[in-house]
Amino acid sequence: MSKQTILRSLIAAAFAFASVAAFAVPSKLQTSNFELRTSRLQTSNFELQTGLEQMVTLTAGTAVNVSLNEAIDAETVSVGNSLDFFVRSNVTVNGKVVIAAGATATGWVKNVKKSSNGKSYEITITVENAMAVDGQMVNLRSIPHVVNAFPNAAKADIGANLSARVLNDTKINA
C-alpha cells in the first residue's frame, strides 16, 4: 500500500470516528439546553405540585368579623346602597390565612325606616362578601345589623362591627 492510500484510510477512519463521537457525546451546548429544559420541567412540576398543596377549603359557617369603613346616615342612604367594610382579623384554615385582616368586604343597606314625622330612625345593613388572599370574593351571610336612633336620624360611624359567616364551602389558594 502506498503512503497516500494509508493516509487516506487514516483520514477517513478519523472522520468516521469523529462523526460517531459527535453523536455519542453531546456538545456542551446540547447538554446545557437539555439541562435547562429538564430544570424548567422540574420547576413547572414543583410549582404545580406546590399550588395544589396550598389549596384549602374554607368551610361554610366560618366566622368573619368586619368593621364598617365609612360613616352612614339614614338621611343620606337608601335601600340598595353598597357599603365598604374591612376584615378585622385573619381567618385561617389549618394555620394558613385565607382571608387577611384588612381585606375589603362589601355590604348593602337593606332597609331604611322613617318615623311618622319623616325623620329616619332605623337603618338595616348586612355584609355580603369579603376578598380572600387569592383575590376571589367569598360569599358571606350576616345577621342584619340594625342601627336605631330616636328621635334623631340613625347613623353608623366608621368602625361599627358586624359578624358574618361564610355562605358555602370555598376552595382558596392560600
C-alpha atoms as a PDB file:
ATOM      1  CA  MET A   1       0.000   0.000   0.000  1.00  0.00           C
ATOM      2  CA  SER A   2       1.204   3.418  -0.770  1.00  0.00           C
ATOM      3  CA  LYS A   3       1.621   6.127   1.809  1.00  0.00           C
ATOM      4  CA  GLN A   4      -1.170   8.082   0.150  1.00  0.00           C
ATOM      5  CA  THR A   5      -3.633   5.223   0.439  1.00  0.00           C
ATOM      6  CA  ILE A   6      -2.750   4.658   4.087  1.00  0.00           C
ATOM      7  CA  LEU A   7      -3.066   8.362   4.783  1.00  0.00           C
ATOM      8  CA  ARG A   8      -6.479   8.495   3.042  1.00  0.00           C
ATOM      9  CA  SER A   9      -7.647   5.464   5.021  1.00  0.00           C
ATOM     10  CA  LEU A  10      -6.490   7.040   8.281  1.00  0.00           C
ATOM     11  CA  ILE A  11      -8.201  10.330   7.444  1.00  0.00           C
ATOM     12  CA  ALA A  12     -11.424   8.515   6.510  1.00  0.00           C
ATOM     13  CA  ALA A  13     -11.278   6.472   9.720  1.00  0.00           C
ATOM     14  CA  ALA A  14     -10.631   9.615  11.797  1.00  0.00           C
ATOM     15  CA  PHE A  15     -13.527  11.347  10.101  1.00  0.00           C
ATOM     16  CA  ALA A  16     -15.813   8.388  10.740  1.00  0.00           C
ATOM     17  CA  PHE A  17     -14.689   8.207  14.379  1.00  0.00           C
ATOM     18  CA  ALA A  18     -15.272  11.956  14.849  1.00  0.00           C
ATOM     19  CA  SER A  19     -18.770  11.698  13.346  1.00  0.00           C
ATOM     20  CA  VAL A  20     -19.743   8.829  15.630  1.00  0.00           C
ATOM     21  CA  ALA A  21     -18.222  10.600  18.643  1.00  0.00           C
ATOM     22  CA  ALA A  22     -20.214  13.760  17.891  1.00  0.00           C
ATOM     23  CA  PHE A  23     -23.473  11.816  18.132  1.00  0.00           C
ATOM     24  CA  ALA A  24     -22.415   9.724  21.097  1.00  0.00           C
ATOM     25  CA  VAL A  25     -21.269  12.591  23.345  1.00  0.00           C
ATOM     26  CA  PRO A  26     -23.468  15.684  23.282  1.00  0.00           C
ATOM     27  CA  SER A  27     -21.758  19.003  22.945  1.00  0.00           C
ATOM     28  CA  LYS A  28     -21.662  21.437  25.861  1.00  0.00           C
ATOM     29  CA  LEU A  29     -24.412  23.496  24.196  1.00  0.00           C
ATOM     30  CA  GLN A  30     -26.632  20.445  23.688  1.00  0.00           C
ATOM     31  CA  THR A  31     -26.054  19.371  27.298  1.00  0.00           C
ATOM     32  CA  SER A  32     -26.872  22.887  28.567  1.00  0.00           C
ATOM     33  CA  ASN A  33     -30.114  23.027  26.582  1.00  0.00           C
ATOM     34  CA  PHE A  34     -31.120  19.574  27.820  1.00  0.00           C
ATOM     35  CA  GLU A  35     -30.339  20.548  31.424  1.00  0.00           C
ATOM     36  CA  LEU A  36     -32.257  23.812  31.015  1.00  0.00           C
ATOM     37  CA  ARG A  37     -35.329  22.022  29.605  1.00  0.00           C
ATOM     38  CA  THR A  38     -35.157  19.418  32.367  1.00  0.00           C
ATOM     39  CA  SER A  39     -34.745  22.123  35.000  1.00  0.00           C
ATOM     40  CA  ARG A  40     -37.738  24.085  33.646  1.00  0.00           C
ATOM     41  CA  LEU A  41     -39.841  20.935  33.578  1.00  0.00           C
ATOM     42  CA  GLN A  42     -38.895  20.099  37.159  1.00  0.00           C
ATOM     43  CA  THR A  43     -39.620  23.689  38.249  1.00  0.00           C
ATOM     44  CA  SER A  44     -43.012  23.647  36.498  1.00  0.00           C
ATOM     45  CA  ASN A  45     -43.903  20.339  38.119  1.00  0.00           C
ATOM     46  CA  PHE A  46     -42.808  21.664  41.521  1.00  0.00           C
ATOM     47  CA  GLU A  47     -44.854  24.853  41.094  1.00  0.00           C
ATOM     48  CA  LEU A  48     -47.881  22.841  40.008  1.00  0.00           C
ATOM     49  CA  GLN A  49     -47.470  20.451  42.921  1.00  0.00           C
ATOM     50  CA  THR A  50     -46.963  23.333  45.356  1.00  0.00           C
ATOM     51  CA  GLY A  51     -50.053  25.118  44.019  1.00  0.00           C
ATOM     52  CA  LEU A  52     -52.146  22.013  44.539  1.00  0.00           C
ATOM     53  CA  GLU A  53     -50.842  21.524  48.045  1.00  0.00           C
ATOM     54  CA  GLN A  54     -51.779  25.090  49.009  1.00  0.00           C
ATOM     55  CA  MET A  55     -55.456  24.798  48.088  1.00  0.00           C
ATOM     56  CA  VAL A  56     -57.555  24.760  51.255  1.00  0.00           C
ATOM     57  CA  THR A  57     -61.292  24.671  51.796  1.00  0.00           C
ATOM     58  CA  LEU A  58     -62.878  27.494  53.743  1.00  0.00           C
ATOM     59  CA  THR A  59     -65.962  25.782  55.119  1.00  0.00           C
ATOM     60  CA  ALA A  60     -69.453  27.212  55.233  1.00  0.00           C
ATOM     61  CA  GLY A  61     -70.260  28.723  58.607  1.00  0.00           C
ATOM     62  CA  THR A  62     -66.740  30.008  59.349  1.00  0.00           C
ATOM     63  CA  ALA A  63     -66.952  33.361  61.180  1.00  0.00           C
ATOM     64  CA  VAL A  64     -65.694  36.534  59.506  1.00  0.00           C
ATOM     65  CA  ASN A  65     -65.696  39.726  61.595  1.00  0.00           C
ATOM     66  CA  VAL A  66     -65.823  43.032  59.764  1.00  0.00           C
ATOM     67  CA  SER A  67     -65.987  46.741  60.552  1.00  0.00           C
ATOM     68  CA  LEU A  68     -67.713  49.494  58.626  1.00  0.00           C
ATOM     69  CA  ASN A  69     -65.195  51.513  56.634  1.00  0.00           C
ATOM     70  CA  GLU A  70     -67.418  54.570  56.170  1.00  0.00           C
ATOM     71  CA  ALA A  71     -69.913  56.555  58.184  1.00  0.00           C
ATOM     72  CA  ILE A  72     -73.524  56.294  57.089  1.00  0.00           C
ATOM     73  CA  ASP A  73     -76.575  58.351  57.985  1.00  0.00           C
ATOM     74  CA  ALA A  74     -80.205  57.410  57.425  1.00  0.00           C
ATOM     75  CA  GLU A  75     -80.838  60.864  55.964  1.00  0.00           C
ATOM     76  CA  THR A  76     -78.461  60.222  53.059  1.00  0.00           C
ATOM     77  CA  VAL A  77     -78.553  56.464  52.399  1.00  0.00           C
ATOM     78  CA  SER A  78     -81.219  54.438  50.718  1.00  0.00           C
ATOM     79  CA  VAL A  79     -82.006  50.775  50.243  1.00  0.00           C
ATOM     80  CA  GLY A  80     -79.524  49.147  47.860  1.00  0.00           C
ATOM     81  CA  ASN A  81     -76.576  51.459  48.573  1.00  0.00           C
ATOM     82  CA  SER A  82     -73.338  49.475  48.767  1.00  0.00           C
ATOM     83  CA  LEU A  83     -71.184  49.771  51.873  1.00  0.00           C
ATOM     84  CA  ASP A  84     -67.445  49.308  52.365  1.00  0.00           C
ATOM     85  CA  PHE A  85     -66.166  47.144  55.197  1.00  0.00           C
ATOM     86  CA  PHE A  86     -62.789  45.733  56.173  1.00  0.00           C
ATOM     87  CA  VAL A  87     -61.998  42.388  57.804  1.00  0.00           C
ATOM     88  CA  ARG A  88     -60.988  42.881  61.455  1.00  0.00           C
ATOM     89  CA  SER A  89     -58.871  39.750  61.969  1.00  0.00           C
ATOM     90  CA  ASN A  90     -57.286  36.947  59.942  1.00  0.00           C
ATOM     91  CA  VAL A  91     -59.462  33.998  59.004  1.00  0.00           C
ATOM     92  CA  THR A  92     -57.346  30.837  58.912  1.00  0.00           C
ATOM     93  CA  VAL A  93     -57.718  27.223  57.821  1.00  0.00           C
ATOM     94  CA  ASN A  94     -55.126  24.728  59.094  1.00  0.00           C
ATOM     95  CA  GLY A  95     -52.827  27.593  60.063  1.00  0.00           C
ATOM     96  CA  LYS A  96     -52.997  29.248  56.615  1.00  0.00           C
ATOM     97  CA  VAL A  97     -54.520  32.712  56.276  1.00  0.00           C
ATOM     98  CA  VAL A  98     -57.372  32.570  53.753  1.00  0.00           C
ATOM     99  CA  ILE A  99     -58.904  35.998  54.434  1.00  0.00           C
ATOM    100  CA  ALA A 100     -56.403  38.536  55.753  1.00  0.00           C
ATOM    101  CA  ALA A 101     -57.093  41.211  58.343  1.00  0.00           C
ATOM    102  CA  GLY A 102     -57.669  44.472  56.493  1.00  0.00           C
ATOM    103  CA  ALA A 103     -59.126  42.770  53.400  1.00  0.00           C
ATOM    104  CA  THR A 104     -62.010  44.577  51.771  1.00  0.00           C
ATOM    105  CA  ALA A 105     -65.594  43.445  52.232  1.00  0.00           C
ATOM    106  CA  THR A 106     -68.839  44.704  50.755  1.00  0.00           C
ATOM    107  CA  GLY A 107     -72.312  45.029  52.174  1.00  0.00           C
ATOM    108  CA  TRP A 108     -75.634  46.669  51.463  1.00  0.00           C
ATOM    109  CA  VAL A 109     -78.238  48.887  53.013  1.00  0.00           C
ATOM    110  CA  LYS A 110     -81.205  46.525  53.298  1.00  0.00           C
ATOM    111  CA  ASN A 111     -83.796  48.783  54.896  1.00  0.00           C
ATOM    112  CA  VAL A 112     -84.308  52.388  55.972  1.00  0.00           C
ATOM    113  CA  LYS A 113     -87.359  53.123  58.153  1.00  0.00           C
ATOM    114  CA  LYS A 114     -88.724  56.594  58.721  1.00  0.00           C
ATOM    115  CA  SER A 115     -90.842  57.755  61.621  1.00  0.00           C
ATOM    116  CA  SER A 116     -94.245  59.375  61.212  1.00  0.00           C
ATOM    117  CA  ASN A 117     -92.659  62.841  61.328  1.00  0.00           C
ATOM    118  CA  GLY A 118     -90.445  61.958  58.332  1.00  0.00           C
ATOM    119  CA  LYS A 119     -87.155  61.648  60.236  1.00  0.00           C
ATOM    120  CA  SER A 120     -85.217  58.446  59.546  1.00  0.00           C
ATOM    121  CA  TYR A 121     -84.652  56.465  62.682  1.00  0.00           C
ATOM    122  CA  GLU A 122     -83.556  52.987  61.625  1.00  0.00           C
ATOM    123  CA  ILE A 123     -81.055  51.550  59.116  1.00  0.00           C
ATOM    124  CA  THR A 124     -80.565  47.826  58.462  1.00  0.00           C
ATOM    125  CA  ILE A 125     -77.230  46.799  56.925  1.00  0.00           C
ATOM    126  CA  THR A 126     -75.583  43.478  56.029  1.00  0.00           C
ATOM    127  CA  VAL A 127     -72.197  42.314  54.801  1.00  0.00           C
ATOM    128  CA  GLU A 128     -72.289  40.123  51.693  1.00  0.00           C
ATOM    129  CA  ASN A 129     -68.703  39.196  50.713  1.00  0.00           C
ATOM    130  CA  ALA A 130     -65.018  39.546  51.579  1.00  0.00           C
ATOM    131  CA  MET A 131     -61.866  39.218  49.497  1.00  0.00           C
ATOM    132  CA  ALA A 132     -59.742  36.094  50.039  1.00  0.00           C
ATOM    133  CA  VAL A 133     -55.932  36.100  49.819  1.00  0.00           C
ATOM    134  CA  ASP A 134     -56.092  34.669  46.279  1.00  0.00           C
ATOM    135  CA  GLY A 135     -58.282  37.566  45.078  1.00  0.00           C
ATOM    136  CA  GLN A 136     -61.617  35.812  44.876  1.00  0.00           C
ATOM    137  CA  MET A 137     -64.687  37.123  46.657  1.00  0.00           C
ATOM    138  CA  VAL A 138     -66.053  34.830  49.366  1.00  0.00           C
ATOM    139  CA  ASN A 139     -69.830  34.994  49.784  1.00  0.00           C
ATOM    140  CA  LEU A 140     -70.959  35.741  53.322  1.00  0.00           C
ATOM    141  CA  ARG A 141     -74.218  35.604  55.232  1.00  0.00           C
ATOM    142  CA  SER A 142     -74.693  38.070  58.066  1.00  0.00           C
ATOM    143  CA  ILE A 143     -77.348  38.729  60.609  1.00  0.00           C
ATOM    144  CA  PRO A 144     -78.749  42.118  59.621  1.00  0.00           C
ATOM    145  CA  HIS A 145     -77.289  44.873  61.776  1.00  0.00           C
ATOM    146  CA  VAL A 146     -79.920  47.412  62.806  1.00  0.00           C
ATOM    147  CA  VAL A 147     -78.896  50.945  63.758  1.00  0.00           C
ATOM    148  CA  ASN A 148     -81.627  52.720  65.775  1.00  0.00           C
ATOM    149  CA  ALA A 149     -81.954  56.326  66.813  1.00  0.00           C
ATOM    150  CA  PHE A 150     -84.992  58.072  68.132  1.00  0.00           C
ATOM    151  CA  PRO A 151     -85.993  60.872  67.727  1.00  0.00           C
ATOM    152  CA  ASN A 152     -82.918  61.752  65.669  1.00  0.00           C
ATOM    153  CA  ALA A 153     -81.717  60.269  62.383  1.00  0.00           C
ATOM    154  CA  ALA A 154     -79.967  56.905  62.664  1.00  0.00           C
ATOM    155  CA  LYS A 155     -76.303  56.797  61.776  1.00  0.00           C
ATOM    156  CA  ALA A 156     -73.453  54.304  61.957  1.00  0.00           C
ATOM    157  CA  ASP A 157     -69.907  55.522  62.411  1.00  0.00           C
ATOM    158  CA  ILE A 158     -66.717  54.157  60.920  1.00  0.00           C
ATOM    159  CA  GLY A 159     -65.739  51.058  62.868  1.00  0.00           C
ATOM    160  CA  ALA A 160     -69.235  49.696  63.515  1.00  0.00           C
ATOM    161  CA  ASN A 161     -68.740  45.930  63.882  1.00  0.00           C
ATOM    162  CA  LEU A 162     -70.660  43.183  62.117  1.00  0.00           C
ATOM    163  CA  SER A 163     -70.236  39.448  62.189  1.00  0.00           C
ATOM    164  CA  ALA A 164     -70.838  37.223  59.199  1.00  0.00           C
ATOM    165  CA  ARG A 165     -70.447  33.576  58.233  1.00  0.00           C
ATOM    166  CA  VAL A 166     -69.063  32.023  55.056  1.00  0.00           C
ATOM    167  CA  LEU A 167     -72.066  31.092  52.929  1.00  0.00           C
ATOM    168  CA  ASN A 168     -70.712  27.981  51.160  1.00  0.00           C
ATOM    169  CA  ASP A 169     -67.537  25.891  51.056  1.00  0.00           C
ATOM    170  CA  THR A 170     -64.918  27.765  49.033  1.00  0.00           C
ATOM    171  CA  LYS A 171     -61.552  26.500  47.739  1.00  0.00           C
ATOM    172  CA  ILE A 172     -58.827  29.090  48.305  1.00  0.00           C
ATOM    173  CA  ASN A 173     -55.208  29.093  47.190  1.00  0.00           C
ATOM    174  CA  ALA A 174     -53.559  30.194  50.438  1.00  0.00           C
END
